[in-house]
C-alpha atoms as a PDB file:
ATOM      1  CA  UNK A   1     -18.769  21.927  -8.220  1.00  0.00           C
ATOM      2  CA  UNK A   2     -16.935  19.953 -10.686  1.00  0.00           C
ATOM      3  CA  UNK A   3     -14.410  18.447  -8.566  1.00  0.00           C
ATOM      4  CA  UNK A   4     -16.700  16.207  -6.367  1.00  0.00           C
ATOM      5  CA  UNK A   5     -13.574  14.990  -4.351  1.00  0.00           C
ATOM      6  CA  UNK A   6     -11.644  13.742  -7.429  1.00  0.00           C
ATOM      7  CA  UNK A   7      -7.887  14.172  -7.102  1.00  0.00           C
ATOM      8  CA  UNK A   8      -7.482  15.514 -10.758  1.00  0.00           C
ATOM      9  CA  UNK A   9      -9.563  16.984 -13.461  1.00  0.00           C
ATOM     10  CA  UNK A  10      -9.586  16.827 -17.217  1.00  0.00           C
ATOM     11  CA  UNK A  11      -8.649  19.908 -19.374  1.00  0.00           C
ATOM     12  CA  UNK A  12     -12.418  20.330 -20.341  1.00  0.00           C
ATOM     13  CA  UNK A  13     -13.416  20.616 -16.498  1.00  0.00           C
ATOM     14  CA  UNK A  14     -11.022  23.172 -15.549  1.00  0.00           C
ATOM     15  CA  UNK A  15     -12.996  26.260 -16.841  1.00  0.00           C
ATOM     16  CA  UNK A  16     -15.863  25.332 -14.740  1.00  0.00           C
ATOM     17  CA  UNK A  17     -13.605  24.670 -11.727  1.00  0.00           C
ATOM     18  CA  UNK A  18     -11.983  28.116 -11.909  1.00  0.00           C
ATOM     19  CA  UNK A  19     -15.300  30.076 -12.602  1.00  0.00           C
ATOM     20  CA  UNK A  20     -17.098  28.159  -9.745  1.00  0.00           C
ATOM     21  CA  UNK A  21     -14.136  28.480  -7.225  1.00  0.00           C
ATOM     22  CA  UNK A  22     -12.283  31.601  -8.240  1.00  0.00           C
ATOM     23  CA  UNK A  23     -14.553  33.544 -10.524  1.00  0.00           C
ATOM     24  CA  UNK A  24     -11.930  33.308 -13.133  1.00  0.00           C
ATOM     25  CA  UNK A  25     -13.257  32.928 -16.692  1.00  0.00           C
ATOM     26  CA  UNK A  26     -10.901  30.813 -19.210  1.00  0.00           C
ATOM     27  CA  UNK A  27     -11.666  28.865 -22.313  1.00  0.00           C
ATOM     28  CA  UNK A  28     -10.415  25.332 -22.949  1.00  0.00           C
ATOM     29  CA  UNK A  29      -8.719  26.763 -26.159  1.00  0.00           C
ATOM     30  CA  UNK A  30      -6.742  29.305 -23.962  1.00  0.00           C
ATOM     31  CA  UNK A  31      -5.687  26.125 -21.754  1.00  0.00           C
ATOM     32  CA  UNK A  32      -4.495  24.421 -24.810  1.00  0.00           C
ATOM     33  CA  UNK A  33      -2.612  27.572 -25.867  1.00  0.00           C
ATOM     34  CA  UNK A  34      -0.977  27.910 -22.471  1.00  0.00           C
ATOM     35  CA  UNK A  35      -0.171  24.134 -22.497  1.00  0.00           C
ATOM     36  CA  UNK A  36       1.868  24.552 -25.580  1.00  0.00           C
ATOM     37  CA  UNK A  37       3.488  27.980 -24.752  1.00  0.00           C
ATOM     38  CA  UNK A  38       3.728  28.040 -20.909  1.00  0.00           C
ATOM     39  CA  UNK A  39       2.071  30.177 -18.120  1.00  0.00           C
ATOM     40  CA  UNK A  40      -0.765  27.927 -17.562  1.00  0.00           C
ATOM     41  CA  UNK A  41      -1.391  25.742 -14.486  1.00  0.00           C
ATOM     42  CA  UNK A  42       0.743  22.744 -13.796  1.00  0.00           C
ATOM     43  CA  UNK A  43      -0.541  19.346 -15.061  1.00  0.00           C
ATOM     44  CA  UNK A  44       0.332  15.864 -15.139  1.00  0.00           C
ATOM     45  CA  UNK A  45      -0.161  13.209 -17.799  1.00  0.00           C
ATOM     46  CA  UNK A  46      -2.083   9.864 -17.569  1.00  0.00           C
ATOM     47  CA  UNK A  47      -0.685   8.766 -21.087  1.00  0.00           C
ATOM     48  CA  UNK A  48      -1.731  11.486 -23.323  1.00  0.00           C
ATOM     49  CA  UNK A  49      -4.530  12.933 -21.206  1.00  0.00           C
ATOM     50  CA  UNK A  50      -3.550  16.134 -19.441  1.00  0.00           C
ATOM     51  CA  UNK A  51      -4.920  16.238 -15.896  1.00  0.00           C
ATOM     52  CA  UNK A  52      -4.918  19.178 -13.215  1.00  0.00           C
ATOM     53  CA  UNK A  53      -4.726  19.093  -9.689  1.00  0.00           C
ATOM     54  CA  UNK A  54      -7.109  21.280  -7.941  1.00  0.00           C
ATOM     55  CA  UNK A  55      -4.458  22.466  -5.542  1.00  0.00           C
ATOM     56  CA  UNK A  56      -2.427  23.564  -8.856  1.00  0.00           C
ATOM     57  CA  UNK A  57      -5.364  25.324 -10.166  1.00  0.00           C
ATOM     58  CA  UNK A  58      -5.796  27.284  -6.892  1.00  0.00           C
ATOM     59  CA  UNK A  59      -2.141  28.173  -6.982  1.00  0.00           C
ATOM     60  CA  UNK A  60      -2.401  29.312 -10.399  1.00  0.00           C
ATOM     61  CA  UNK A  61      -5.604  31.314  -9.887  1.00  0.00           C
ATOM     62  CA  UNK A  62      -3.968  33.101  -6.744  1.00  0.00           C
ATOM     63  CA  UNK A  63      -1.081  34.112  -9.166  1.00  0.00           C
ATOM     64  CA  UNK A  64      -3.294  35.533 -11.693  1.00  0.00           C
ATOM     65  CA  UNK A  65      -5.448  37.564  -9.214  1.00  0.00           C
ATOM     66  CA  UNK A  66      -4.127  40.981  -8.053  1.00  0.00           C
ATOM     67  CA  UNK A  67      -4.498  42.356  -4.600  1.00  0.00           C
ATOM     68  CA  UNK A  68      -7.831  44.042  -3.843  1.00  0.00           C
ATOM     69  CA  UNK A  69      -7.899  47.737  -4.740  1.00  0.00           C
ATOM     70  CA  UNK A  70     -10.376  50.560  -4.366  1.00  0.00           C
ATOM     71  CA  UNK A  71      -9.503  52.361  -7.618  1.00  0.00           C
ATOM     72  CA  UNK A  72      -7.934  51.879 -10.753  1.00  0.00           C
ATOM     73  CA  UNK A  73      -5.098  54.354  -9.667  1.00  0.00           C
ATOM     74  CA  UNK A  74      -4.307  51.784  -7.051  1.00  0.00           C
ATOM     75  CA  UNK A  75      -4.156  48.922  -9.784  1.00  0.00           C
ATOM     76  CA  UNK A  76      -1.724  51.083 -11.870  1.00  0.00           C
ATOM     77  CA  UNK A  77       0.597  51.594  -8.872  1.00  0.00           C
ATOM     78  CA  UNK A  78       0.897  48.000  -8.050  1.00  0.00           C
END
């Protein structure tokens, strides 16, 4: 796991974290775009460097995932 107990991750580390912990694939380019347009995980800055707290990444992932469904019909109804 990328985190290794560190309190914050750099943007280039976020895709590995989200895939490893939540199974969510996301590219650094997508994170860059979301940082500009909104809708991405919360971040903090250390000077010019965006940093992401694991708990913010976990909350963002939870918002992105649907509830478990057993068919596509259930997904469409949700």
